[in-house]
Amino acid sequence: MKTVLIVEDERDLRELVCHHFRKEGFKPIAVPDAETAYAEVQHRVPDAIVLDLMLPGMQGTELCRILRSAERTAKVPILMVTAKDEEIDKLLGFELGADDYMTKPFSLRELVARLRAVLRRSSDTHSPTQIPPYVSEALFINFHSYEVRVRGEEVSMSLIEFRLLKHFVSHPEIVYSRDQLLDAVWGRDTSVMPRTVDVHIQKLRALVEEDPKNPRMILTVRGAGYKFQPNSAR
């Protein structure tokens, strides 16, 4: 049974979501604020987190940033929920490492579907299938242990960043449009915007490129999309 931490300050909504998740076979743990959520995560890391953006005290965005910066919680799927529906707020959520984003009011059925989708993507990334590591002078990736080293230094990245990097190195020199990357990395059952791809490309470049402003591995193909240039990873 998958454990889901629900961080929501509206009591009625929090209880409703918990009730629905139990009916769907999940084990929900509900807390009203980010501070309590952080304490809960230190005690036990959940399988996924449903995180409200606007919370009393510490905001959901700050909690997301903290969780993504810690090794033991960096890969936990996070589904953000908020009353805000501005594109800039969604982009901020994804930039901080959220795996998906929903705005209130929402369908409980859709919430469960979105949660299952992020859990499935997480499970696919951690599949026990033995894939040989990717090794070059600049880049080392162990797909089984999730270890990434850039020029000998270990780097920590979110689940989406790792999936994006894995897709690129598995398909070198092939140009992918934003929509194709959304389907391959985020999945067809998500409402992530195409511009979100640009945000994660920038974050990935900051992690793996020697000069992110002049990338040599993850290249922009003007008017077409992005591609991975393996020769530049040497």
C-alpha atoms as a PDB file:
ATOM      1  CA  MET A   1       0.000   0.000   0.000  1.00  0.00           C
ATOM      2  CA  LYS A   2       1.474   3.331  -1.123  1.00  0.00           C
ATOM      3  CA  THR A   3       1.796   6.047   1.527  1.00  0.00           C
ATOM      4  CA  VAL A   4       0.778   9.545   0.445  1.00  0.00           C
ATOM      5  CA  LEU A   5       1.529  12.637   2.538  1.00  0.00           C
ATOM      6  CA  ILE A   6      -1.203  15.250   2.040  1.00  0.00           C
ATOM      7  CA  VAL A   7      -0.206  18.784   3.001  1.00  0.00           C
ATOM      8  CA  GLU A   8      -3.372  20.898   2.956  1.00  0.00           C
ATOM      9  CA  ASP A   9      -4.493  23.631   5.373  1.00  0.00           C
ATOM     10  CA  GLU A  10      -8.220  23.454   4.477  1.00  0.00           C
ATOM     11  CA  ARG A  11      -9.566  20.894   6.911  1.00  0.00           C
ATOM     12  CA  ASP A  12     -12.645  19.841   4.952  1.00  0.00           C
ATOM     13  CA  LEU A  13     -10.674  19.355   1.742  1.00  0.00           C
ATOM     14  CA  ARG A  14      -7.908  17.546   3.592  1.00  0.00           C
ATOM     15  CA  GLU A  15     -10.376  15.064   5.099  1.00  0.00           C
ATOM     16  CA  LEU A  16     -12.184  14.614   1.790  1.00  0.00           C
ATOM     17  CA  VAL A  17      -8.957  13.840  -0.064  1.00  0.00           C
ATOM     18  CA  CYS A  18      -7.893  11.406   2.673  1.00  0.00           C
ATOM     19  CA  HIS A  19     -11.232   9.612   2.521  1.00  0.00           C
ATOM     20  CA  HIS A  20     -11.062   9.291  -1.252  1.00  0.00           C
ATOM     21  CA  PHE A  21      -7.450   8.077  -1.216  1.00  0.00           C
ATOM     22  CA  ARG A  22      -8.328   5.367   1.323  1.00  0.00           C
ATOM     23  CA  LYS A  23     -11.134   4.180  -0.934  1.00  0.00           C
ATOM     24  CA  GLU A  24      -8.621   3.981  -3.798  1.00  0.00           C
ATOM     25  CA  GLY A  25      -6.217   1.795  -1.825  1.00  0.00           C
ATOM     26  CA  PHE A  26      -3.713   4.377  -0.614  1.00  0.00           C
ATOM     27  CA  LYS A  27      -2.539   5.069   2.931  1.00  0.00           C
ATOM     28  CA  PRO A  28      -2.946   8.847   3.394  1.00  0.00           C
ATOM     29  CA  ILE A  29      -1.176  10.854   6.078  1.00  0.00           C
ATOM     30  CA  ALA A  30      -2.650  14.337   6.376  1.00  0.00           C
ATOM     31  CA  VAL A  31      -1.004  17.421   7.894  1.00  0.00           C
ATOM     32  CA  PRO A  32      -2.134  21.083   7.898  1.00  0.00           C
ATOM     33  CA  ASP A  33       1.151  22.905   7.272  1.00  0.00           C
ATOM     34  CA  ALA A  34       4.645  22.627   5.833  1.00  0.00           C
ATOM     35  CA  GLU A  35       6.441  22.521   9.180  1.00  0.00           C
ATOM     36  CA  THR A  36       4.451  19.465  10.293  1.00  0.00           C
ATOM     37  CA  ALA A  37       4.989  17.895   6.879  1.00  0.00           C
ATOM     38  CA  TYR A  38       8.749  18.364   7.152  1.00  0.00           C
ATOM     39  CA  ALA A  39       8.769  16.729  10.594  1.00  0.00           C
ATOM     40  CA  GLU A  40       6.708  13.821   9.255  1.00  0.00           C
ATOM     41  CA  VAL A  41       9.095  13.291   6.335  1.00  0.00           C
ATOM     42  CA  GLN A  42      12.060  13.147   8.713  1.00  0.00           C
ATOM     43  CA  HIS A  43      10.282  10.348  10.538  1.00  0.00           C
ATOM     44  CA  ARG A  44       9.161   8.434   7.453  1.00  0.00           C
ATOM     45  CA  VAL A  45       9.617   9.204   3.752  1.00  0.00           C
ATOM     46  CA  PRO A  46       6.289   8.741   1.924  1.00  0.00           C
ATOM     47  CA  ASP A  47       5.863   7.229  -1.520  1.00  0.00           C
ATOM     48  CA  ALA A  48       4.404  10.520  -2.798  1.00  0.00           C
ATOM     49  CA  ILE A  49       3.378  13.977  -1.580  1.00  0.00           C
ATOM     50  CA  VAL A  50       0.300  16.032  -2.460  1.00  0.00           C
ATOM     51  CA  LEU A  51       1.402  19.546  -1.563  1.00  0.00           C
ATOM     52  CA  ASP A  52      -0.711  22.692  -1.364  1.00  0.00           C
ATOM     53  CA  LEU A  53       1.143  25.748  -2.629  1.00  0.00           C
ATOM     54  CA  MET A  54      -0.414  28.316  -0.268  1.00  0.00           C
ATOM     55  CA  LEU A  55       0.068  27.290   3.354  1.00  0.00           C
ATOM     56  CA  PRO A  56       0.209  29.101   6.701  1.00  0.00           C
ATOM     57  CA  GLY A  57       3.796  29.799   7.743  1.00  0.00           C
ATOM     58  CA  MET A  58       6.238  28.120   5.390  1.00  0.00           C
ATOM     59  CA  GLN A  59       4.887  28.055   1.837  1.00  0.00           C
ATOM     60  CA  GLY A  60       4.569  24.883  -0.203  1.00  0.00           C
ATOM     61  CA  THR A  61       7.155  26.159  -2.674  1.00  0.00           C
ATOM     62  CA  GLU A  62       9.746  26.462   0.092  1.00  0.00           C
ATOM     63  CA  LEU A  63       8.983  22.976   1.395  1.00  0.00           C
ATOM     64  CA  CYS A  64       9.320  21.615  -2.131  1.00  0.00           C
ATOM     65  CA  ARG A  65      12.714  23.300  -2.504  1.00  0.00           C
ATOM     66  CA  ILE A  66      13.913  21.859   0.819  1.00  0.00           C
ATOM     67  CA  LEU A  67      12.743  18.343  -0.030  1.00  0.00           C
ATOM     68  CA  ARG A  68      14.358  18.434  -3.454  1.00  0.00           C
ATOM     69  CA  SER A  69      17.684  19.582  -1.974  1.00  0.00           C
ATOM     70  CA  ALA A  70      17.848  16.680   0.514  1.00  0.00           C
ATOM     71  CA  GLU A  71      19.204  13.356  -0.756  1.00  0.00           C
ATOM     72  CA  ARG A  72      16.636  11.143   1.010  1.00  0.00           C
ATOM     73  CA  THR A  73      13.645  13.086  -0.382  1.00  0.00           C
ATOM     74  CA  ALA A  74      14.995  14.351  -3.720  1.00  0.00           C
ATOM     75  CA  LYS A  75      13.220  11.641  -5.724  1.00  0.00           C
ATOM     76  CA  VAL A  76       9.868  11.547  -3.906  1.00  0.00           C
ATOM     77  CA  PRO A  77       7.106  12.410  -6.426  1.00  0.00           C
ATOM     78  CA  ILE A  78       5.421  15.732  -5.576  1.00  0.00           C
ATOM     79  CA  LEU A  79       2.033  16.758  -6.937  1.00  0.00           C
ATOM     80  CA  MET A  80       1.345  20.434  -6.219  1.00  0.00           C
ATOM     81  CA  VAL A  81      -2.198  21.670  -5.612  1.00  0.00           C
ATOM     82  CA  THR A  82      -3.182  25.329  -5.446  1.00  0.00           C
ATOM     83  CA  ALA A  83      -5.939  27.829  -6.068  1.00  0.00           C
ATOM     84  CA  LYS A  84      -3.590  29.762  -8.346  1.00  0.00           C
ATOM     85  CA  ASP A  85      -3.895  29.154 -12.071  1.00  0.00           C
ATOM     86  CA  GLU A  86      -1.380  31.605 -13.503  1.00  0.00           C
ATOM     87  CA  GLU A  87       1.188  30.137 -15.879  1.00  0.00           C
ATOM     88  CA  ILE A  88       4.038  31.728 -13.915  1.00  0.00           C
ATOM     89  CA  ASP A  89       2.917  29.902 -10.756  1.00  0.00           C
ATOM     90  CA  LYS A  90       2.894  26.575 -12.574  1.00  0.00           C
ATOM     91  CA  LEU A  91       6.329  27.216 -14.016  1.00  0.00           C
ATOM     92  CA  LEU A  92       7.629  28.133 -10.567  1.00  0.00           C
ATOM     93  CA  GLY A  93       6.251  24.893  -9.170  1.00  0.00           C
ATOM     94  CA  PHE A  94       7.918  22.829 -11.870  1.00  0.00           C
ATOM     95  CA  GLU A  95      11.151  24.794 -11.579  1.00  0.00           C
ATOM     96  CA  LEU A  96      11.275  23.898  -7.884  1.00  0.00           C
ATOM     97  CA  GLY A  97      10.869  20.228  -8.743  1.00  0.00           C
ATOM     98  CA  ALA A  98       7.150  19.414  -8.698  1.00  0.00           C
ATOM     99  CA  ASP A  99       6.239  16.404 -10.846  1.00  0.00           C
ATOM    100  CA  ASP A 100       2.720  17.614 -11.635  1.00  0.00           C
ATOM    101  CA  TYR A 101       0.415  20.537 -10.819  1.00  0.00           C
ATOM    102  CA  MET A 102      -3.347  20.845 -10.266  1.00  0.00           C
ATOM    103  CA  THR A 103      -5.498  23.890  -9.587  1.00  0.00           C
ATOM    104  CA  LYS A 104      -8.536  24.112  -7.315  1.00  0.00           C
ATOM    105  CA  PRO A 105     -11.314  23.229  -7.663  1.00  0.00           C
ATOM    106  CA  PHE A 106     -10.381  19.807  -8.964  1.00  0.00           C
ATOM    107  CA  SER A 107     -11.951  16.405  -9.471  1.00  0.00           C
ATOM    108  CA  LEU A 108     -10.944  13.846  -6.862  1.00  0.00           C
ATOM    109  CA  ARG A 109     -10.960  11.224  -9.582  1.00  0.00           C
ATOM    110  CA  GLU A 110      -8.483  13.291 -11.605  1.00  0.00           C
ATOM    111  CA  LEU A 111      -6.331  13.856  -8.509  1.00  0.00           C
ATOM    112  CA  VAL A 112      -6.056  10.098  -8.001  1.00  0.00           C
ATOM    113  CA  ALA A 113      -5.299   9.579 -11.698  1.00  0.00           C
ATOM    114  CA  ARG A 114      -2.551  12.208 -11.613  1.00  0.00           C
ATOM    115  CA  LEU A 115      -1.082  10.683  -8.454  1.00  0.00           C
ATOM    116  CA  ARG A 116      -1.036   7.218  -9.996  1.00  0.00           C
ATOM    117  CA  ALA A 117       0.696   8.701 -13.056  1.00  0.00           C
ATOM    118  CA  VAL A 118       3.537  10.302 -11.075  1.00  0.00           C
ATOM    119  CA  LEU A 119       3.957   7.118  -9.045  1.00  0.00           C
ATOM    120  CA  ARG A 120       4.068   5.062 -12.225  1.00  0.00           C
ATOM    121  CA  ARG A 121       6.711   7.348 -13.745  1.00  0.00           C
ATOM    122  CA  SER A 122       8.729   7.058 -10.541  1.00  0.00           C
ATOM    123  CA  SER A 123       8.412   3.274 -10.612  1.00  0.00           C
ATOM    124  CA  ASP A 124       9.489   3.165 -14.267  1.00  0.00           C
ATOM    125  CA  THR A 125      12.598   5.180 -13.444  1.00  0.00           C
ATOM    126  CA  HIS A 126      13.514   2.807 -10.619  1.00  0.00           C
ATOM    127  CA  SER A 127      12.758  -0.325 -12.621  1.00  0.00           C
ATOM    128  CA  PRO A 128      15.079  -3.213 -11.705  1.00  0.00           C
ATOM    129  CA  THR A 129      15.768  -3.891 -15.387  1.00  0.00           C
ATOM    130  CA  GLN A 130      19.530  -3.974 -15.761  1.00  0.00           C
ATOM    131  CA  ILE A 131      20.641  -1.160 -18.047  1.00  0.00           C
ATOM    132  CA  PRO A 132      24.394  -0.687 -18.382  1.00  0.00           C
ATOM    133  CA  PRO A 133      25.733   2.623 -17.037  1.00  0.00           C
ATOM    134  CA  TYR A 134      26.395   5.492 -19.395  1.00  0.00           C
ATOM    135  CA  VAL A 135      30.087   6.391 -19.250  1.00  0.00           C
ATOM    136  CA  SER A 136      31.998   9.229 -20.907  1.00  0.00           C
ATOM    137  CA  GLU A 137      34.780  11.552 -19.837  1.00  0.00           C
ATOM    138  CA  ALA A 138      32.354  14.175 -18.578  1.00  0.00           C
ATOM    139  CA  LEU A 139      29.341  12.094 -17.606  1.00  0.00           C
ATOM    140  CA  PHE A 140      28.630   8.915 -15.641  1.00  0.00           C
ATOM    141  CA  ILE A 141      25.069   7.656 -15.088  1.00  0.00           C
ATOM    142  CA  ASN A 142      24.109   4.511 -13.196  1.00  0.00           C
ATOM    143  CA  PHE A 143      20.485   3.958 -14.173  1.00  0.00           C
ATOM    144  CA  HIS A 144      19.969   1.362 -11.463  1.00  0.00           C
ATOM    145  CA  SER A 145      21.358   3.256  -8.457  1.00  0.00           C
ATOM    146  CA  TYR A 146      20.338   6.703  -9.776  1.00  0.00           C
ATOM    147  CA  GLU A 147      23.931   7.925  -9.423  1.00  0.00           C
ATOM    148  CA  VAL A 148      25.022  10.781 -11.684  1.00  0.00           C
ATOM    149  CA  ARG A 149      28.559  12.142 -11.802  1.00  0.00           C
ATOM    150  CA  VAL A 150      29.645  15.125 -13.862  1.00  0.00           C
ATOM    151  CA  ARG A 151      33.381  15.443 -14.417  1.00  0.00           C
ATOM    152  CA  GLY A 152      33.890  13.151 -11.434  1.00  0.00           C
ATOM    153  CA  GLU A 153      31.617  15.070  -9.037  1.00  0.00           C
ATOM    154  CA  GLU A 154      28.361  13.500  -7.884  1.00  0.00           C
ATOM    155  CA  VAL A 155      25.287  15.664  -8.557  1.00  0.00           C
ATOM    156  CA  SER A 156      21.790  15.406  -7.144  1.00  0.00           C
ATOM    157  CA  MET A 157      18.796  15.904  -9.386  1.00  0.00           C
ATOM    158  CA  SER A 158      15.038  15.524  -9.237  1.00  0.00           C
ATOM    159  CA  LEU A 159      13.164  12.561 -10.662  1.00  0.00           C
ATOM    160  CA  ILE A 160      12.072  14.535 -13.726  1.00  0.00           C
ATOM    161  CA  GLU A 161      15.594  15.824 -14.367  1.00  0.00           C
ATOM    162  CA  PHE A 162      16.948  12.284 -14.166  1.00  0.00           C
ATOM    163  CA  ARG A 163      14.257  10.946 -16.512  1.00  0.00           C
ATOM    164  CA  LEU A 164      14.978  13.748 -18.954  1.00  0.00           C
ATOM    165  CA  LEU A 165      18.725  13.058 -18.883  1.00  0.00           C
ATOM    166  CA  LYS A 166      18.115   9.318 -19.229  1.00  0.00           C
ATOM    167  CA  HIS A 167      15.920   9.912 -22.282  1.00  0.00           C
ATOM    168  CA  PHE A 168      18.531  12.119 -23.931  1.00  0.00           C
ATOM    169  CA  VAL A 169      21.505   9.805 -23.431  1.00  0.00           C
ATOM    170  CA  SER A 170      19.398   6.813 -24.523  1.00  0.00           C
ATOM    171  CA  HIS A 171      18.544   8.577 -27.803  1.00  0.00           C
ATOM    172  CA  PRO A 172      21.676  10.494 -28.843  1.00  0.00           C
ATOM    173  CA  GLU A 173      21.635  12.965 -31.732  1.00  0.00           C
ATOM    174  CA  ILE A 174      17.858  12.647 -32.170  1.00  0.00           C
ATOM    175  CA  VAL A 175      15.974  15.950 -32.106  1.00  0.00           C
ATOM    176  CA  TYR A 176      12.898  15.962 -29.860  1.00  0.00           C
ATOM    177  CA  SER A 177      10.257  18.659 -29.818  1.00  0.00           C
ATOM    178  CA  ARG A 178       8.810  19.900 -26.530  1.00  0.00           C
ATOM    179  CA  ASP A 179       5.644  17.865 -27.070  1.00  0.00           C
ATOM    180  CA  GLN A 180       7.656  14.716 -27.779  1.00  0.00           C
ATOM    181  CA  LEU A 181       9.674  15.229 -24.610  1.00  0.00           C
ATOM    182  CA  LEU A 182       6.480  15.778 -22.622  1.00  0.00           C
ATOM    183  CA  ASP A 183       5.103  12.458 -23.856  1.00  0.00           C
ATOM    184  CA  ALA A 184       8.358  10.591 -23.269  1.00  0.00           C
ATOM    185  CA  VAL A 185       9.321  12.017 -19.884  1.00  0.00           C
ATOM    186  CA  TRP A 186       6.166  13.339 -18.216  1.00  0.00           C
ATOM    187  CA  GLY A 187       3.693  10.992 -19.922  1.00  0.00           C
ATOM    188  CA  ARG A 188       0.551  11.581 -21.942  1.00  0.00           C
ATOM    189  CA  ASP A 189      -1.676  11.675 -18.850  1.00  0.00           C
ATOM    190  CA  THR A 190      -0.375  14.997 -17.531  1.00  0.00           C
ATOM    191  CA  SER A 191      -1.327  18.612 -18.154  1.00  0.00           C
ATOM    192  CA  VAL A 192       2.238  19.939 -18.016  1.00  0.00           C
ATOM    193  CA  MET A 193       2.767  22.869 -20.359  1.00  0.00           C
ATOM    194  CA  PRO A 194       5.358  22.755 -23.166  1.00  0.00           C
ATOM    195  CA  ARG A 195       7.238  25.693 -21.611  1.00  0.00           C
ATOM    196  CA  THR A 196       7.910  23.478 -18.594  1.00  0.00           C
ATOM    197  CA  VAL A 197      10.307  21.506 -20.783  1.00  0.00           C
ATOM    198  CA  ASP A 198      12.409  24.656 -21.248  1.00  0.00           C
ATOM    199  CA  VAL A 199      12.556  25.155 -17.482  1.00  0.00           C
ATOM    200  CA  HIS A 200      13.853  21.638 -16.899  1.00  0.00           C
ATOM    201  CA  ILE A 201      16.288  21.825 -19.792  1.00  0.00           C
ATOM    202  CA  GLN A 202      17.791  24.923 -18.174  1.00  0.00           C
ATOM    203  CA  LYS A 203      18.021  23.160 -14.810  1.00  0.00           C
ATOM    204  CA  LEU A 204      19.575  20.074 -16.378  1.00  0.00           C
ATOM    205  CA  ARG A 205      22.139  22.161 -18.232  1.00  0.00           C
ATOM    206  CA  ALA A 206      23.050  23.884 -14.977  1.00  0.00           C
ATOM    207  CA  LEU A 207      23.849  20.450 -13.536  1.00  0.00           C
ATOM    208  CA  VAL A 208      25.734  18.794 -16.399  1.00  0.00           C
ATOM    209  CA  GLU A 209      27.162  21.498 -18.647  1.00  0.00           C
ATOM    210  CA  GLU A 210      30.525  23.110 -17.949  1.00  0.00           C
ATOM    211  CA  ASP A 211      29.075  26.387 -19.251  1.00  0.00           C
ATOM    212  CA  PRO A 212      25.247  26.240 -19.153  1.00  0.00           C
ATOM    213  CA  LYS A 213      24.961  29.394 -21.276  1.00  0.00           C
ATOM    214  CA  ASN A 214      26.972  27.731 -24.013  1.00  0.00           C
ATOM    215  CA  PRO A 215      25.845  24.095 -23.794  1.00  0.00           C
ATOM    216  CA  ARG A 216      27.755  21.377 -25.612  1.00  0.00           C
ATOM    217  CA  MET A 217      25.825  18.274 -24.563  1.00  0.00           C
ATOM    218  CA  ILE A 218      22.143  19.273 -24.513  1.00  0.00           C
ATOM    219  CA  LEU A 219      21.710  21.388 -27.605  1.00  0.00           C
ATOM    220  CA  THR A 220      18.882  23.577 -28.849  1.00  0.00           C
ATOM    221  CA  VAL A 221      17.896  22.959 -32.444  1.00  0.00           C
ATOM    222  CA  ARG A 222      16.198  26.215 -33.391  1.00  0.00           C
ATOM    223  CA  GLY A 223      12.605  25.749 -34.442  1.00  0.00           C
ATOM    224  CA  ALA A 224      12.707  21.995 -33.775  1.00  0.00           C
ATOM    225  CA  GLY A 225      13.556  21.176 -30.169  1.00  0.00           C
ATOM    226  CA  TYR A 226      16.491  19.663 -28.298  1.00  0.00           C
ATOM    227  CA  LYS A 227      19.032  16.884 -28.778  1.00  0.00           C
ATOM    228  CA  PHE A 228      21.874  15.214 -26.887  1.00  0.00           C
ATOM    229  CA  GLN A 229      25.322  15.422 -28.465  1.00  0.00           C
ATOM    230  CA  PRO A 230      27.330  12.470 -27.064  1.00  0.00           C
ATOM    231  CA  ASN A 231      30.695  13.541 -28.524  1.00  0.00           C
ATOM    232  CA  SER A 232      30.618  16.659 -26.341  1.00  0.00           C
ATOM    233  CA  ALA A 233      30.213  14.528 -23.199  1.00  0.00           C
ATOM    234  CA  ARG A 234      33.744  13.205 -23.636  1.00  0.00           C
END
